[in-house]
Structure formats: C-alpha cells, structure tokens
Amino acid sequence: MGNTALKDRLIKEIGEMPADKVQEVLNFVNHLNLKEDRWFIDLVNGRTGLAASDKSAGKRFTSLGELQKEYK
C-alpha cells in the first residue's frame, strides 16, 4: 500500500473515531515524534546511566510515578 493510500486510510479511520480516541492517536503520534528528538534520547541515556549506577550501589530505583511527574 502506498504512502498516500495509507494516509487516506488513516484519515478516514480517525474521522470515524470519537474525540477521546482521536486524542489518544494524537498523543501516540506526539510520543513517536518525541522519541526521535535528540534531547529525549540524551535524557533516556542519562537516566539509564543513573539507574545502572544506583543499582550497583544498592540504591532504590525511581518509581514510574516519580518519573512521570518529572517528565510532565
């Protein structure tokens, strides 16, 4: 299926969704775009390094909730 056909299909299917589902699609698209940003890659790599050093030092890991608060 060509790029134009895929885009047309996506637009059609999104057009048939309720508003809350459309918002979920937009959030997912933003997430995909964000994952390609250099600052985000650097942030993830930095956090991974901190987690590895914390683990080897026997420290506790940051919870998902704490990470989400920091991100927002």
N, C-alpha and C. Protein backbone atom coordinates (compact mmCIF):
# COMPACT_ATOMS: atom_id res chain seq x y z
N MET A 1 0.86 -1.18 0.00
CA MET A 1 0.00 0.00 0.00
C MET A 1 0.90 1.23 0.00
N GLY A 2 0.64 2.17 -0.88
CA GLY A 2 1.45 3.37 -0.99
C GLY A 2 1.24 4.34 0.16
N ASN A 3 2.17 5.28 0.29
CA ASN A 3 2.13 6.26 1.37
C ASN A 3 0.83 7.07 1.35
N THR A 4 0.41 7.50 0.17
CA THR A 4 -0.81 8.29 0.06
C THR A 4 -2.03 7.47 0.47
N ALA A 5 -2.07 6.22 0.05
CA ALA A 5 -3.20 5.35 0.41
C ALA A 5 -3.24 5.11 1.91
N LEU A 6 -2.08 4.95 2.53
CA LEU A 6 -2.03 4.77 3.99
C LEU A 6 -2.54 6.01 4.70
N LYS A 7 -2.10 7.17 4.24
CA LYS A 7 -2.55 8.42 4.87
C LYS A 7 -4.06 8.59 4.71
N ASP A 8 -4.57 8.29 3.52
CA ASP A 8 -6.02 8.40 3.28
C ASP A 8 -6.79 7.46 4.20
N ARG A 9 -6.28 6.23 4.34
CA ARG A 9 -6.93 5.26 5.23
C ARG A 9 -6.92 5.74 6.68
N LEU A 10 -5.77 6.27 7.11
CA LEU A 10 -5.65 6.78 8.48
C LEU A 10 -6.63 7.92 8.72
N ILE A 11 -6.71 8.86 7.80
CA ILE A 11 -7.63 10.00 7.93
C ILE A 11 -9.07 9.51 8.01
N LYS A 12 -9.42 8.55 7.17
CA LYS A 12 -10.79 8.00 7.18
C LYS A 12 -11.10 7.36 8.54
N GLU A 13 -10.17 6.53 9.02
CA GLU A 13 -10.42 5.84 10.27
C GLU A 13 -10.45 6.79 11.46
N ILE A 14 -9.60 7.78 11.46
CA ILE A 14 -9.61 8.77 12.54
C ILE A 14 -10.91 9.57 12.50
N GLY A 15 -11.38 9.87 11.31
CA GLY A 15 -12.63 10.62 11.16
C GLY A 15 -13.83 9.91 11.74
N GLU A 16 -13.75 8.59 11.85
CA GLU A 16 -14.86 7.80 12.39
C GLU A 16 -14.75 7.56 13.89
N MET A 17 -13.67 8.04 14.52
CA MET A 17 -13.45 7.80 15.95
C MET A 17 -14.09 8.88 16.81
N PRO A 18 -14.45 8.52 18.04
CA PRO A 18 -14.90 9.54 18.99
C PRO A 18 -13.70 10.43 19.40
N ALA A 19 -13.99 11.60 19.93
CA ALA A 19 -12.96 12.59 20.24
C ALA A 19 -11.89 12.05 21.19
N ASP A 20 -12.27 11.25 22.17
CA ASP A 20 -11.27 10.75 23.12
C ASP A 20 -10.28 9.80 22.44
N LYS A 21 -10.75 9.04 21.47
CA LYS A 21 -9.86 8.14 20.74
C LYS A 21 -8.94 8.94 19.80
N VAL A 22 -9.47 10.00 19.22
CA VAL A 22 -8.64 10.87 18.37
C VAL A 22 -7.52 11.49 19.22
N GLN A 23 -7.84 11.89 20.44
CA GLN A 23 -6.82 12.45 21.34
C GLN A 23 -5.74 11.41 21.64
N GLU A 24 -6.14 10.15 21.82
CA GLU A 24 -5.16 9.08 22.05
C GLU A 24 -4.24 8.92 20.84
N VAL A 25 -4.81 9.01 19.65
CA VAL A 25 -4.00 8.92 18.42
C VAL A 25 -2.99 10.06 18.38
N LEU A 26 -3.45 11.27 18.68
CA LEU A 26 -2.55 12.43 18.69
C LEU A 26 -1.45 12.27 19.73
N ASN A 27 -1.80 11.79 20.90
CA ASN A 27 -0.80 11.55 21.95
C ASN A 27 0.24 10.54 21.48
N PHE A 28 -0.21 9.50 20.80
CA PHE A 28 0.71 8.48 20.32
C PHE A 28 1.63 9.05 19.24
N VAL A 29 1.09 9.83 18.33
CA VAL A 29 1.91 10.46 17.29
C VAL A 29 2.96 11.37 17.94
N ASN A 30 2.55 12.15 18.93
CA ASN A 30 3.50 13.01 19.63
C ASN A 30 4.57 12.18 20.32
N HIS A 31 4.17 11.05 20.89
CA HIS A 31 5.13 10.15 21.53
C HIS A 31 6.15 9.63 20.51
N LEU A 32 5.69 9.22 19.36
CA LEU A 32 6.60 8.72 18.32
C LEU A 32 7.57 9.81 17.88
N ASN A 33 7.07 11.02 17.71
CA ASN A 33 7.94 12.13 17.31
C ASN A 33 8.94 12.46 18.40
N LEU A 34 8.49 12.43 19.64
CA LEU A 34 9.34 12.76 20.78
C LEU A 34 10.51 11.80 20.88
N LYS A 35 10.26 10.51 20.63
CA LYS A 35 11.30 9.51 20.76
C LYS A 35 12.46 9.76 19.79
N GLU A 36 12.26 10.57 18.78
CA GLU A 36 13.31 10.86 17.80
C GLU A 36 14.08 12.14 18.14
N ASP A 37 13.61 12.91 19.11
CA ASP A 37 14.29 14.15 19.47
C ASP A 37 15.58 13.86 20.21
N ARG A 38 16.64 14.56 19.86
CA ARG A 38 17.96 14.33 20.47
C ARG A 38 17.92 14.55 21.98
N TRP A 39 17.21 15.58 22.45
CA TRP A 39 17.18 15.86 23.89
C TRP A 39 16.55 14.70 24.64
N PHE A 40 15.53 14.07 24.04
CA PHE A 40 14.87 12.96 24.69
C PHE A 40 15.79 11.74 24.75
N ILE A 41 16.48 11.48 23.67
CA ILE A 41 17.44 10.37 23.64
C ILE A 41 18.50 10.58 24.69
N ASP A 42 19.01 11.81 24.79
CA ASP A 42 20.03 12.13 25.81
C ASP A 42 19.47 11.95 27.22
N LEU A 43 18.22 12.37 27.43
CA LEU A 43 17.58 12.22 28.73
C LEU A 43 17.48 10.74 29.11
N VAL A 44 17.01 9.92 28.18
CA VAL A 44 16.86 8.48 28.45
C VAL A 44 18.22 7.85 28.73
N ASN A 45 19.22 8.20 27.93
CA ASN A 45 20.55 7.64 28.15
C ASN A 45 21.10 8.07 29.51
N GLY A 46 20.87 9.32 29.88
CA GLY A 46 21.33 9.80 31.19
C GLY A 46 20.63 9.09 32.34
N ARG A 47 19.32 8.92 32.20
CA ARG A 47 18.56 8.23 33.25
C ARG A 47 18.98 6.76 33.35
N THR A 48 19.27 6.15 32.22
CA THR A 48 19.72 4.76 32.23
C THR A 48 21.06 4.64 32.96
N GLY A 49 21.95 5.58 32.70
CA GLY A 49 23.24 5.59 33.39
C GLY A 49 23.08 5.75 34.89
N LEU A 50 22.17 6.65 35.29
CA LEU A 50 21.91 6.84 36.72
C LEU A 50 21.33 5.58 37.35
N ALA A 51 20.41 4.94 36.65
CA ALA A 51 19.80 3.72 37.17
C ALA A 51 20.83 2.61 37.33
N ALA A 52 21.72 2.49 36.36
CA ALA A 52 22.76 1.45 36.45
C ALA A 52 23.69 1.70 37.62
N SER A 53 24.08 2.96 37.82
CA SER A 53 24.97 3.25 38.95
C SER A 53 24.24 3.10 40.28
N ASP A 54 22.96 3.47 40.32
CA ASP A 54 22.17 3.29 41.54
C ASP A 54 22.02 1.81 41.88
N LYS A 55 21.78 0.99 40.86
CA LYS A 55 21.61 -0.45 41.07
C LYS A 55 22.91 -1.05 41.63
N SER A 56 24.04 -0.67 41.05
CA SER A 56 25.30 -1.24 41.53
C SER A 56 25.65 -0.74 42.92
N ALA A 57 25.14 0.44 43.30
CA ALA A 57 25.39 0.98 44.64
C ALA A 57 24.34 0.50 45.65
N GLY A 58 23.38 -0.31 45.19
CA GLY A 58 22.36 -0.84 46.09
C GLY A 58 21.26 0.16 46.42
N LYS A 59 21.15 1.23 45.66
CA LYS A 59 20.11 2.24 45.92
C LYS A 59 18.79 1.80 45.30
N ARG A 60 17.71 2.44 45.75
CA ARG A 60 16.39 2.12 45.22
C ARG A 60 16.20 2.81 43.87
N PHE A 61 15.34 2.21 43.07
CA PHE A 61 15.04 2.78 41.77
C PHE A 61 13.92 3.80 41.88
N THR A 62 13.93 4.78 41.00
CA THR A 62 12.85 5.76 40.92
C THR A 62 11.61 5.06 40.37
N SER A 63 10.48 5.31 41.00
CA SER A 63 9.24 4.67 40.54
C SER A 63 8.77 5.30 39.24
N LEU A 64 7.92 4.57 38.54
CA LEU A 64 7.34 5.08 37.31
C LEU A 64 6.57 6.37 37.57
N GLY A 65 5.83 6.41 38.66
CA GLY A 65 5.08 7.62 39.01
C GLY A 65 5.97 8.83 39.20
N GLU A 66 7.12 8.62 39.84
CA GLU A 66 8.07 9.72 40.04
C GLU A 66 8.66 10.18 38.70
N LEU A 67 8.95 9.23 37.83
CA LEU A 67 9.47 9.58 36.50
C LEU A 67 8.43 10.37 35.70
N GLN A 68 7.18 9.94 35.79
CA GLN A 68 6.13 10.63 35.04
C GLN A 68 5.93 12.05 35.56
N LYS A 69 6.03 12.26 36.87
CA LYS A 69 5.93 13.61 37.43
C LYS A 69 7.06 14.48 36.91
N GLU A 70 8.26 13.92 36.87
CA GLU A 70 9.43 14.66 36.40
C GLU A 70 9.29 15.05 34.94
N TYR A 71 8.73 14.13 34.15
CA TYR A 71 8.56 14.36 32.72
C TYR A 71 7.54 15.45 32.43
N LYS A 72 6.46 15.46 33.20
CA LYS A 72 5.37 16.43 32.97
C LYS A 72 5.85 17.75 33.44
